[in-house]
Amino acid sequence: MMTQNVNNLTQNQQLTSTPIKEFYKNKNIFLTGATGFIGQSLVEKILRCCEINKLFILIRDKKGKSWQQRIDDICRDPLFDTIKKSNPSFNKKIFCVSGDISKENLGISPEEYQILCQEVNIVLHVAATVKFNEKLATALNINVRGTQNVIALCHKISNLCAFVHVSTAFSNCNRTEIREKVYEPKMDMPNIMNYVNDEVLNSAERAFLDDFRNSYVFSKNIAEAVANKTAQNLPTVIFRPAIVMPSYSDPVTGWTNSMYGPIGVLYGAAKGGVRVFMMNGQSPCEFVPVDMCVSAILACAWDIAMTKHQRTEIPVYNFVPKKSNKITYKNYIDISLTATDKIPLKNTAWYTTFTIASNYHLAKTLHFLYHIIPAFFVDFVMLVMRKKFRLMPIYEKIDLMMKHLPYFYFNEWIWHDNNVSELWSKLDTNDRKWLFFDMGQVNWYKYITESLFGMRWFLAHEDESTIPVALKKQKKLKVLHYTVVFTIQGLILYFVWLIMTKIYFREF
């Protein structure tokens, strides 16, 4: 069952003074990427747990919505239900700054830019494009040039205590062993960007990427090098989370608003749409819960502020699962399917089954049989009935996922996370309660099972009252599923028998 605040923090404990809470008290924070998965969780955590003065958020108009409408959308998310109960006016500390991270001076008006320079104490740079199939020029413009622009602001801030650049653990996925250090790229990409236009970057994308898998990890690698080169004299840290998944406990278990990565595959399976995916079942899951990422980010900012004069280089934090506490993708799928049998979705199209294909050709064949052929017939029926619903575009997206994601589901990396372990050891008892990020203590079975409740509520918008109806539907779909499967298998065997019989009698 989805539980609220598994850390069992009472309101009094939330208000208990701690070293890190004292650090954040009356501080002004500037946050980029507030509308994203990690960013939104950061907004909630900061406003609920820290007595800050102001939270400046860089935000731009998008899809016909003003920045005010987008902020209202953020605060309407169920993630904020907990803070609304204790502090209904929490959003009064949010100050929106209209701008664009990829533009010079972040696209901010001179007046607002000056205010940030005078008032901000902590900068949390989370904004990024996370699309694996993003055009190289776009990825570089947002992830690299955006980082340059944020660092330029940091240099002008009068009282900067900490600057946290959020990267990814896979920014060096072209290596098998990844230490907590910045690796120099093979080319001076920021300089190349000044002399090569977007058209050339996109047309020569494969040559630029070299041994990197996609534009996302490549651009994050370059962004780290930019931070390492231009933010050396600033109180800077680089934070590298692995695959960010639903929340572990704070403020609720299983919160997510993201369909990227494994949760998107699992959601598709629960809806009866995804029945096969290519992955190595024996590879370890590089999962980290979003709330633990947020806690670690806040602790990193405190740590660099306390030790900036003792640092000779920018510290890097690889936030990944502990070697002693890992699960495989087979474990993940098995636990998820067991949980789905007990708490299926009511609005599902078919019985939930899932096949792990460890071979590319097998995966493509099963994708064609399990996805494309059924989608073709469903779309044909919808066309005859003059309905707009179509399955084929959905499976085209799944096909795209099968091109980009398996790389991360097959390969294994040797991670070094000494800085994260050392950071956890620095926290006192009270700070560990509200900033829990010890990956060694994660109960994977409980986490994955309870994340299914979160997926039902936050993605499918189905509460626990729908489970009895969903179970009845699941039983009917199960009978229908195996009836179809056995019928098809029987027909195949029958035709094989006919062919063999003709061959046999022809010989005699």
Protein backbone atom coordinates (compact mmCIF):
# COMPACT_ATOMS: atom_id res chain seq x y z
CA MET A 1 0.00 0.00 0.00
CA MET A 2 1.22 3.49 -0.82
CA THR A 3 2.41 5.04 2.41
CA GLN A 4 3.04 8.65 3.30
CA ASN A 5 6.46 9.63 4.57
CA VAL A 6 7.92 6.22 5.41
CA ASN A 7 10.61 7.97 7.44
CA ASN A 8 7.84 8.58 10.00
CA LEU A 9 8.74 12.21 10.51
CA THR A 10 6.28 13.95 12.75
CA GLN A 11 5.64 17.63 12.28
CA ASN A 12 7.83 18.36 15.30
CA GLN A 13 10.68 16.34 13.82
CA GLN A 14 10.30 18.20 10.54
CA LEU A 15 10.82 21.47 12.41
CA THR A 16 13.76 20.20 14.49
CA SER A 17 16.82 22.36 13.98
CA THR A 18 19.74 20.53 12.36
CA PRO A 19 23.10 21.65 10.91
CA ILE A 20 21.85 21.46 7.34
CA LYS A 21 18.50 23.11 8.11
CA GLU A 22 20.40 25.94 9.79
CA PHE A 23 22.48 26.28 6.64
CA TYR A 24 19.37 26.71 4.49
CA LYS A 25 17.60 29.02 6.92
CA ASN A 26 16.86 32.43 5.32
CA LYS A 27 18.81 31.53 2.18
CA ASN A 28 17.75 32.50 -1.34
CA ILE A 29 17.90 29.67 -3.88
CA PHE A 30 17.94 29.86 -7.68
CA LEU A 31 16.67 26.68 -9.37
CA THR A 32 16.65 25.74 -13.05
CA GLY A 33 14.59 22.83 -14.36
CA ALA A 34 11.80 23.26 -11.80
CA THR A 35 9.19 21.76 -14.13
CA GLY A 36 11.15 18.53 -14.59
CA PHE A 37 11.01 15.30 -12.58
CA ILE A 38 13.90 16.07 -10.21
CA GLY A 39 13.24 19.82 -10.23
CA GLN A 40 9.63 19.48 -9.15
CA SER A 41 10.62 17.18 -6.30
CA LEU A 42 13.29 19.71 -5.27
CA VAL A 43 10.73 22.53 -5.15
CA GLU A 44 8.46 20.49 -2.86
CA LYS A 45 11.26 19.32 -0.55
CA ILE A 46 12.83 22.75 -0.15
CA LEU A 47 9.55 24.50 0.62
CA ARG A 48 8.36 21.78 2.99
CA CYS A 49 11.54 21.15 4.95
CA CYS A 50 13.67 24.30 4.76
CA GLU A 51 12.99 27.75 6.19
CA ILE A 52 14.37 29.51 3.14
CA ASN A 53 13.71 33.14 2.32
CA LYS A 54 13.04 32.93 -1.44
CA LEU A 55 13.03 30.27 -4.13
CA PHE A 56 13.75 31.81 -7.53
CA ILE A 57 12.66 29.58 -10.42
CA LEU A 58 13.75 30.06 -14.01
CA ILE A 59 10.79 29.23 -16.21
CA ARG A 60 9.66 29.97 -19.74
CA ASP A 61 6.38 30.11 -21.59
CA LYS A 62 5.60 26.80 -23.24
CA LYS A 63 2.82 25.34 -25.37
CA GLY A 64 0.61 28.37 -25.03
CA LYS A 65 0.97 28.55 -21.24
CA SER A 66 2.46 31.46 -19.34
CA TRP A 67 5.02 30.88 -16.62
CA GLN A 68 2.35 31.56 -13.97
CA GLN A 69 0.11 28.86 -15.42
CA ARG A 70 3.00 26.40 -15.45
CA ILE A 71 3.79 27.13 -11.80
CA ASP A 72 0.12 26.63 -10.92
CA ASP A 73 0.23 23.30 -12.77
CA ILE A 74 3.30 22.26 -10.77
CA CYS A 75 1.70 23.09 -7.43
CA ARG A 76 -1.50 21.22 -8.33
CA ASP A 77 0.44 17.97 -8.58
CA PRO A 78 -0.42 15.42 -5.82
CA LEU A 79 3.23 15.64 -4.80
CA PHE A 80 2.34 18.88 -3.00
CA ASP A 81 -0.64 17.47 -1.05
CA THR A 82 1.45 16.98 2.10
CA ILE A 83 2.81 20.52 2.25
CA LYS A 84 -0.62 21.99 1.42
CA LYS A 85 -1.99 20.48 4.62
CA SER A 86 0.69 21.97 6.87
CA ASN A 87 1.39 25.18 4.94
CA PRO A 88 -1.32 26.20 2.42
CA SER A 89 0.55 29.39 1.51
CA PHE A 90 3.82 27.60 0.72
CA ASN A 91 3.97 28.96 -2.84
CA LYS A 92 4.37 32.54 -1.60
CA LYS A 93 8.11 31.91 -1.36
CA ILE A 94 8.30 31.05 -5.07
CA PHE A 95 9.50 33.88 -7.28
CA CYS A 96 9.34 33.13 -11.00
CA VAL A 97 11.98 34.51 -13.32
CA SER A 98 10.89 34.45 -16.95
CA GLY A 99 13.73 33.31 -19.19
CA ASP A 100 15.36 30.62 -21.31
CA ILE A 101 18.45 28.72 -20.19
CA SER A 102 19.89 28.49 -23.70
CA LYS A 103 19.91 32.25 -24.24
CA GLU A 104 22.56 34.77 -23.24
CA ASN A 105 22.06 35.93 -19.64
CA LEU A 106 19.47 33.13 -19.46
CA GLY A 107 17.05 35.32 -21.38
CA ILE A 108 16.36 37.23 -18.18
CA SER A 109 15.61 40.95 -18.11
CA PRO A 110 18.53 43.12 -16.89
CA GLU A 111 16.55 44.14 -13.79
CA GLU A 112 15.78 40.57 -12.72
CA TYR A 113 19.31 39.43 -13.55
CA GLN A 114 20.67 42.10 -11.21
CA ILE A 115 18.31 40.97 -8.45
CA LEU A 116 19.60 37.40 -8.76
CA CYS A 117 23.21 38.60 -8.61
CA GLN A 118 22.50 40.53 -5.41
CA GLU A 119 20.19 38.13 -3.56
CA VAL A 120 20.91 34.50 -4.51
CA ASN A 121 23.04 32.31 -2.21
CA ILE A 122 22.59 28.82 -3.68
CA VAL A 123 22.26 27.76 -7.34
CA LEU A 124 20.84 24.34 -8.23
CA HIS A 125 21.22 23.70 -11.96
CA VAL A 126 18.91 20.84 -12.93
CA ALA A 127 17.54 21.99 -16.30
CA ALA A 128 18.37 19.73 -19.24
CA THR A 129 16.90 17.97 -22.21
CA VAL A 130 16.86 14.27 -21.35
CA LYS A 131 15.66 12.94 -24.71
CA PHE A 132 17.97 10.25 -26.05
CA ASN A 133 16.98 11.02 -29.64
CA GLU A 134 17.37 14.78 -29.33
CA LYS A 135 19.16 16.49 -32.22
CA LEU A 136 22.80 17.07 -31.29
CA ALA A 137 22.60 20.83 -31.84
CA THR A 138 19.58 21.11 -29.53
CA ALA A 139 21.15 18.93 -26.83
CA LEU A 140 24.35 20.98 -26.90
CA ASN A 141 22.46 24.25 -26.90
CA ILE A 142 20.44 23.34 -23.79
CA ASN A 143 22.82 21.11 -21.82
CA VAL A 144 26.15 22.77 -22.63
CA ARG A 145 25.39 26.38 -23.51
CA GLY A 146 22.76 26.41 -20.75
CA THR A 147 25.43 25.33 -18.24
CA GLN A 148 27.78 28.03 -19.51
CA ASN A 149 25.08 30.64 -18.98
CA VAL A 150 24.31 29.46 -15.44
CA ILE A 151 28.01 29.50 -14.53
CA ALA A 152 28.32 33.02 -15.96
CA LEU A 153 25.55 34.07 -13.57
CA CYS A 154 27.26 32.32 -10.65
CA HIS A 155 30.43 34.35 -11.26
CA LYS A 156 28.39 37.55 -10.84
CA ILE A 157 26.53 36.51 -7.68
CA SER A 158 27.85 38.48 -4.71
CA ASN A 159 27.23 35.94 -1.94
CA LEU A 160 27.33 32.51 -3.56
CA CYS A 161 27.57 29.67 -1.03
CA ALA A 162 27.06 26.69 -3.33
CA PHE A 163 26.54 25.76 -6.98
CA VAL A 164 25.29 22.25 -7.75
CA HIS A 165 25.44 21.07 -11.35
CA VAL A 166 23.20 18.01 -11.82
CA SER A 167 24.62 15.71 -14.49
CA THR A 168 24.08 11.96 -15.00
CA ALA A 169 25.99 8.87 -13.91
CA PHE A 170 26.09 7.89 -17.60
CA SER A 171 27.97 11.00 -18.73
CA ASN A 172 30.99 8.71 -19.10
CA CYS A 173 29.18 5.56 -20.20
CA ASN A 174 31.87 4.99 -22.85
CA ARG A 175 34.07 3.82 -19.95
CA THR A 176 33.65 0.61 -17.97
CA GLU A 177 34.97 2.07 -14.71
CA ILE A 178 33.67 5.46 -13.61
CA ARG A 179 35.35 7.31 -10.78
CA GLU A 180 34.17 10.46 -9.01
CA LYS A 181 36.16 12.76 -11.22
CA VAL A 182 35.69 14.79 -14.39
CA TYR A 183 37.10 13.11 -17.50
CA GLU A 184 38.46 15.37 -20.20
CA PRO A 185 36.54 15.04 -23.50
CA LYS A 186 38.33 14.19 -26.73
CA MET A 187 37.39 17.50 -28.37
CA ASP A 188 36.81 21.10 -27.35
CA MET A 189 33.10 21.01 -28.14
CA PRO A 190 32.18 24.43 -26.67
CA ASN A 191 34.74 26.05 -28.98
CA ILE A 192 33.52 24.02 -31.96
CA MET A 193 29.95 25.19 -31.25
CA ASN A 194 31.09 28.79 -31.77
CA TYR A 195 32.30 28.07 -35.31
CA VAL A 196 29.95 25.34 -36.56
CA ASN A 197 26.26 25.94 -37.19
CA ASP A 198 23.43 23.67 -36.06
CA GLU A 199 22.99 22.13 -39.50
CA VAL A 200 26.57 20.89 -39.58
CA LEU A 201 26.35 19.59 -36.01
CA ASN A 202 23.25 17.57 -36.80
CA SER A 203 24.49 16.25 -40.14
CA ALA A 204 27.79 15.08 -38.60
CA GLU A 205 26.21 13.90 -35.36
CA ARG A 206 27.56 10.34 -35.47
CA ALA A 207 31.10 11.55 -36.03
CA PHE A 208 30.90 13.98 -33.12
CA LEU A 209 29.35 11.41 -30.76
CA ASP A 210 32.13 8.92 -31.49
CA ASP A 211 31.80 6.17 -28.83
CA PHE A 212 28.93 7.86 -26.97
CA ARG A 213 25.53 6.26 -27.40
CA ASN A 214 23.36 9.36 -27.85
CA SER A 215 23.32 13.14 -27.78
CA TYR A 216 22.08 13.24 -24.17
CA VAL A 217 25.03 11.50 -22.50
CA PHE A 218 27.48 13.19 -24.87
CA SER A 219 26.19 16.69 -24.11
CA LYS A 220 26.20 16.00 -20.35
CA ASN A 221 29.81 14.85 -20.64
CA ILE A 222 30.75 18.14 -22.34
CA ALA A 223 28.75 20.13 -19.77
CA GLU A 224 30.79 18.56 -16.96
CA ALA A 225 34.00 19.58 -18.69
CA VAL A 226 32.65 23.13 -19.01
CA ALA A 227 31.85 23.24 -15.29
CA ASN A 228 35.24 21.81 -14.40
CA LYS A 229 37.03 24.40 -16.52
CA THR A 230 35.02 27.55 -15.85
CA ALA A 231 33.69 27.04 -12.29
CA GLN A 232 36.92 26.00 -10.56
CA ASN A 233 37.01 29.09 -8.34
CA LEU A 234 33.34 28.74 -7.40
CA PRO A 235 31.91 26.51 -4.61
CA THR A 236 30.89 23.92 -7.20
CA VAL A 237 29.87 20.27 -7.07
CA ILE A 238 28.86 17.89 -9.85
CA PHE A 239 26.08 15.47 -8.92
CA ARG A 240 25.62 12.35 -11.05
CA PRO A 241 22.45 10.33 -10.43
CA ALA A 242 21.87 7.00 -12.17
CA ILE A 243 18.41 6.11 -13.59
CA VAL A 244 16.02 8.27 -11.57
CA MET A 245 12.90 6.38 -10.52
CA PRO A 246 9.73 7.05 -8.41
CA SER A 247 10.12 8.31 -4.84
CA TYR A 248 11.13 5.92 -2.08
CA SER A 249 9.26 7.51 0.80
CA ASP A 250 9.27 11.30 0.98
CA PRO A 251 6.69 12.79 0.98
CA VAL A 252 4.87 9.74 -0.43
CA THR A 253 5.96 6.39 -1.79
CA GLY A 254 5.97 5.90 -5.54
CA TRP A 255 5.42 9.46 -6.72
CA THR A 256 6.35 10.04 -10.35
CA ASN A 257 5.28 12.19 -13.26
CA SER A 258 7.84 10.78 -15.67
CA MET A 259 7.29 8.16 -18.36
CA TYR A 260 10.97 7.94 -19.28
CA GLY A 261 12.98 4.77 -18.83
CA PRO A 262 11.93 1.58 -17.00
CA ILE A 263 8.81 3.07 -15.42
CA GLY A 264 7.47 3.87 -18.89
CA VAL A 265 8.08 0.27 -20.02
CA LEU A 266 6.41 -1.06 -16.87
CA TYR A 267 3.44 1.27 -17.27
CA GLY A 268 3.02 0.12 -20.86
CA ALA A 269 3.06 -3.51 -19.68
CA ALA A 270 0.50 -2.80 -16.95
CA LYS A 271 -1.77 -1.19 -19.57
CA GLY A 272 -1.52 -4.38 -21.64
CA GLY A 273 0.36 -2.69 -24.47
CA VAL A 274 4.01 -3.65 -23.94
CA ARG A 275 4.54 -7.42 -23.93
CA VAL A 276 8.20 -7.74 -24.85
CA PHE A 277 11.33 -5.65 -24.40
CA MET A 278 15.00 -6.20 -25.02
CA MET A 279 17.14 -6.33 -21.89
CA ASN A 280 19.64 -8.54 -20.12
CA GLY A 281 17.80 -10.02 -17.16
CA GLN A 282 21.06 -10.59 -15.30
CA SER A 283 22.31 -7.01 -15.57
CA PRO A 284 22.03 -4.91 -12.39
CA CYS A 285 19.38 -2.20 -12.23
CA GLU A 286 21.02 1.20 -11.89
CA PHE A 287 17.97 2.73 -10.16
CA VAL A 288 17.91 5.61 -7.66
CA PRO A 289 14.66 7.03 -6.17
CA VAL A 290 13.98 10.69 -6.98
CA ASP A 291 13.47 11.76 -3.34
CA MET A 292 16.83 10.29 -2.36
CA CYS A 293 18.45 12.17 -5.26
CA VAL A 294 16.90 15.39 -3.99
CA SER A 295 18.12 14.76 -0.44
CA ALA A 296 21.64 14.08 -1.70
CA ILE A 297 21.61 17.26 -3.82
CA LEU A 298 20.65 19.38 -0.81
CA ALA A 299 23.36 17.69 1.27
CA CYS A 300 25.94 18.31 -1.49
CA ALA A 301 25.20 22.04 -1.48
CA TRP A 302 25.69 22.16 2.28
CA ASP A 303 28.89 20.12 2.07
CA ILE A 304 30.62 22.34 -0.51
CA ALA A 305 29.58 25.47 1.40
CA MET A 306 31.21 24.07 4.55
CA THR A 307 34.39 22.79 2.87
CA LYS A 308 34.96 25.03 -0.18
CA HIS A 309 38.29 26.36 1.14
CA GLN A 310 39.54 22.81 1.65
CA ARG A 311 38.87 21.68 -1.94
CA THR A 312 41.58 21.66 -4.60
CA GLU A 313 39.25 20.41 -7.34
CA ILE A 314 35.52 20.23 -8.03
CA PRO A 315 34.04 17.27 -6.10
CA VAL A 316 31.93 14.77 -8.03
CA TYR A 317 29.24 12.57 -6.49
CA ASN A 318 28.25 9.34 -8.26
CA PHE A 319 24.81 8.62 -6.84
CA VAL A 320 24.28 4.95 -7.75
CA PRO A 321 23.04 1.74 -6.06
CA LYS A 322 25.42 0.19 -3.55
CA LYS A 323 27.42 -2.84 -4.67
CA SER A 324 26.13 -4.73 -1.65
CA ASN A 325 22.48 -3.92 -2.36
CA LYS A 326 21.61 -4.41 -6.01
CA ILE A 327 18.91 -6.21 -7.96
CA THR A 328 18.84 -7.45 -11.54
CA TYR A 329 16.36 -6.55 -14.25
CA LYS A 330 14.89 -10.04 -13.95
CA ASN A 331 14.28 -9.38 -10.23
CA TYR A 332 12.67 -6.06 -11.12
CA ILE A 333 10.33 -7.57 -13.74
CA ASP A 334 9.43 -10.58 -11.56
CA ILE A 335 8.56 -8.41 -8.56
CA SER A 336 6.60 -6.02 -10.77
CA LEU A 337 4.58 -8.77 -12.47
CA THR A 338 3.78 -10.39 -9.11
CA ALA A 339 2.59 -7.02 -7.79
CA THR A 340 0.62 -6.29 -10.96
CA ASP A 341 -1.30 -9.55 -10.52
CA LYS A 342 -2.45 -8.28 -7.11
CA ILE A 343 -3.07 -4.64 -8.05
CA PRO A 344 -3.77 -4.52 -11.80
CA LEU A 345 -4.98 -1.42 -13.58
CA LYS A 346 -8.71 -1.12 -14.18
CA ASN A 347 -8.27 0.67 -17.49
CA THR A 348 -6.08 -1.92 -19.15
CA ALA A 349 -6.42 -3.17 -22.69
CA TRP A 350 -5.15 -6.71 -22.16
CA TYR A 351 -3.81 -9.17 -19.62
CA THR A 352 -0.37 -8.17 -18.32
CA THR A 353 2.42 -10.38 -19.62
CA PHE A 354 6.05 -9.47 -20.23
CA THR A 355 8.87 -11.28 -22.01
CA ILE A 356 12.53 -10.35 -21.61
CA ALA A 357 14.37 -10.76 -24.90
CA SER A 358 18.14 -10.79 -24.56
CA ASN A 359 18.75 -11.08 -28.31
CA TYR A 360 18.15 -8.22 -30.76
CA HIS A 361 16.72 -10.35 -33.56
CA LEU A 362 14.46 -12.25 -31.15
CA ALA A 363 13.28 -8.93 -29.66
CA LYS A 364 12.46 -7.52 -33.12
CA THR A 365 10.62 -10.71 -34.09
CA LEU A 366 8.55 -10.76 -30.90
CA HIS A 367 7.94 -7.02 -31.24
CA PHE A 368 6.48 -7.68 -34.67
CA LEU A 369 4.35 -10.63 -33.48
CA TYR A 370 3.23 -9.26 -30.10
CA HIS A 371 2.94 -5.56 -30.95
CA ILE A 372 2.82 -4.68 -34.65
CA ILE A 373 0.43 -7.39 -35.89
CA PRO A 374 -2.18 -6.83 -33.10
CA ALA A 375 -1.85 -3.06 -33.58
CA PHE A 376 -2.47 -3.40 -37.30
CA PHE A 377 -5.72 -5.31 -36.76
CA VAL A 378 -6.91 -2.95 -33.98
CA ASP A 379 -6.16 0.12 -36.12
CA PHE A 380 -7.97 -1.47 -39.06
CA VAL A 381 -11.07 -2.05 -36.95
CA MET A 382 -10.87 1.51 -35.60
CA LEU A 383 -10.59 2.82 -39.16
CA VAL A 384 -13.67 0.87 -40.24
CA MET A 385 -15.54 2.22 -37.21
CA ARG A 386 -14.24 5.72 -38.03
CA LYS A 387 -12.55 6.05 -34.64
CA LYS A 388 -9.48 8.24 -34.11
CA PHE A 389 -7.72 5.87 -31.68
CA ARG A 390 -4.64 4.23 -33.20
CA LEU A 391 -2.13 1.82 -31.70
CA MET A 392 0.57 1.95 -34.36
CA PRO A 393 2.02 5.36 -33.29
CA ILE A 394 2.34 4.00 -29.74
CA TYR A 395 4.32 0.99 -30.92
CA GLU A 396 6.49 3.20 -33.08
CA LYS A 397 7.53 4.96 -29.85
CA ILE A 398 8.17 1.58 -28.22
CA ASP A 399 10.31 0.62 -31.21
CA LEU A 400 12.27 3.85 -30.68
CA MET A 401 12.72 2.97 -26.99
CA MET A 402 14.03 -0.45 -28.01
CA LYS A 403 16.72 1.31 -30.04
CA HIS A 404 17.95 3.58 -27.23
CA LEU A 405 17.29 1.96 -23.84
CA PRO A 406 18.76 -1.59 -24.18
CA TYR A 407 22.30 -0.18 -24.19
CA PHE A 408 21.76 0.80 -20.56
CA TYR A 409 19.97 -2.48 -19.75
CA PHE A 410 22.76 -4.69 -21.09
CA ASN A 411 26.02 -3.03 -20.09
CA GLU A 412 27.53 -3.02 -16.62
CA TRP A 413 29.74 -0.37 -15.08
CA ILE A 414 32.10 -0.31 -12.14
CA TRP A 415 31.04 2.70 -10.08
CA HIS A 416 33.03 4.53 -7.43
CA ASP A 417 30.86 6.35 -4.88
CA ASN A 418 33.25 7.14 -2.04
CA ASN A 419 32.26 10.82 -1.97
CA VAL A 420 28.58 9.92 -1.52
CA SER A 421 29.43 7.47 1.27
CA GLU A 422 31.60 10.08 2.97
CA LEU A 423 28.84 12.68 2.64
CA TRP A 424 26.33 10.35 4.32
CA SER A 425 28.78 9.73 7.17
CA LYS A 426 29.03 13.51 7.78
CA LEU A 427 25.31 13.91 8.45
CA ASP A 428 24.17 13.91 12.05
CA THR A 429 21.26 11.74 13.24
CA ASN A 430 18.56 14.37 12.72
CA ASP A 431 19.75 15.33 9.24
CA ARG A 432 19.70 11.66 8.23
CA LYS A 433 16.00 11.54 9.08
CA TRP A 434 14.87 14.24 6.67
CA LEU A 435 17.69 13.80 4.14
CA PHE A 436 17.66 10.03 3.74
CA PHE A 437 19.80 8.92 0.79
CA ASP A 438 21.65 5.79 1.91
CA MET A 439 21.22 3.42 -1.05
CA GLY A 440 22.54 0.57 1.09
CA GLN A 441 19.32 0.61 3.12
CA VAL A 442 16.90 0.43 0.19
CA ASN A 443 14.39 -2.43 0.49
CA TRP A 444 14.00 -3.19 -3.20
CA TYR A 445 11.08 -5.60 -2.90
CA LYS A 446 9.04 -3.17 -0.83
CA TYR A 447 10.05 -0.21 -2.98
CA ILE A 448 9.13 -1.81 -6.30
CA THR A 449 5.88 -3.22 -4.95
CA GLU A 450 4.77 0.09 -3.45
CA SER A 451 5.87 1.94 -6.58
CA LEU A 452 3.13 0.01 -8.41
CA PHE A 453 0.59 1.73 -6.14
CA GLY A 454 2.23 5.03 -7.01
CA MET A 455 2.06 4.22 -10.71
CA ARG A 456 -1.66 3.42 -10.39
CA TRP A 457 -2.39 6.71 -8.66
CA PHE A 458 0.05 9.22 -10.14
CA LEU A 459 0.20 7.98 -13.75
CA ALA A 460 -3.04 6.02 -14.28
CA HIS A 461 -5.07 8.13 -11.79
CA GLU A 462 -6.67 5.02 -10.28
CA ASP A 463 -7.00 4.86 -6.49
CA GLU A 464 -7.15 1.74 -4.31
CA SER A 465 -10.95 1.53 -4.51
CA THR A 466 -10.64 0.41 -8.15
CA ILE A 467 -8.57 -2.69 -7.33
CA PRO A 468 -11.50 -5.14 -6.80
CA VAL A 469 -13.00 -4.21 -10.17
CA ALA A 470 -9.56 -4.37 -11.78
CA LEU A 471 -8.96 -7.88 -10.37
CA LYS A 472 -12.23 -9.16 -11.86
CA LYS A 473 -11.34 -7.67 -15.23
CA GLN A 474 -7.83 -9.12 -15.01
CA LYS A 475 -9.23 -12.65 -14.48
CA LYS A 476 -11.44 -12.33 -17.57
CA LEU A 477 -8.57 -10.96 -19.65
CA LYS A 478 -6.33 -13.79 -18.44
CA VAL A 479 -8.81 -16.41 -19.69
CA LEU A 480 -9.17 -14.54 -23.00
CA HIS A 481 -5.41 -14.13 -23.34
CA TYR A 482 -4.58 -17.81 -22.91
CA THR A 483 -7.52 -18.83 -25.08
CA VAL A 484 -6.08 -16.73 -27.90
CA VAL A 485 -2.53 -17.95 -27.24
CA PHE A 486 -3.46 -21.64 -27.19
CA THR A 487 -5.70 -21.24 -30.24
CA ILE A 488 -2.89 -19.64 -32.23
CA GLN A 489 -0.43 -22.28 -31.05
CA GLY A 490 -2.92 -25.00 -31.98
CA LEU A 491 -3.40 -23.56 -35.46
CA ILE A 492 0.35 -23.34 -35.98
CA LEU A 493 0.81 -26.98 -34.92
CA TYR A 494 -2.07 -28.01 -37.17
CA PHE A 495 -0.55 -26.35 -40.23
CA VAL A 496 2.84 -27.85 -39.41
CA TRP A 497 1.17 -31.26 -39.17
CA LEU A 498 -0.53 -30.73 -42.55
CA ILE A 499 2.74 -29.78 -44.20
CA MET A 500 4.61 -32.72 -42.65
CA THR A 501 1.81 -35.09 -43.67
CA LYS A 502 1.95 -33.95 -47.30
CA ILE A 503 5.74 -34.30 -47.32
CA TYR A 504 5.50 -37.75 -45.73
CA PHE A 505 2.85 -39.08 -48.14
CA ARG A 506 4.68 -37.59 -51.13
CA GLU A 507 7.72 -39.69 -50.25
CA PHE A 508 5.62 -42.84 -50.26
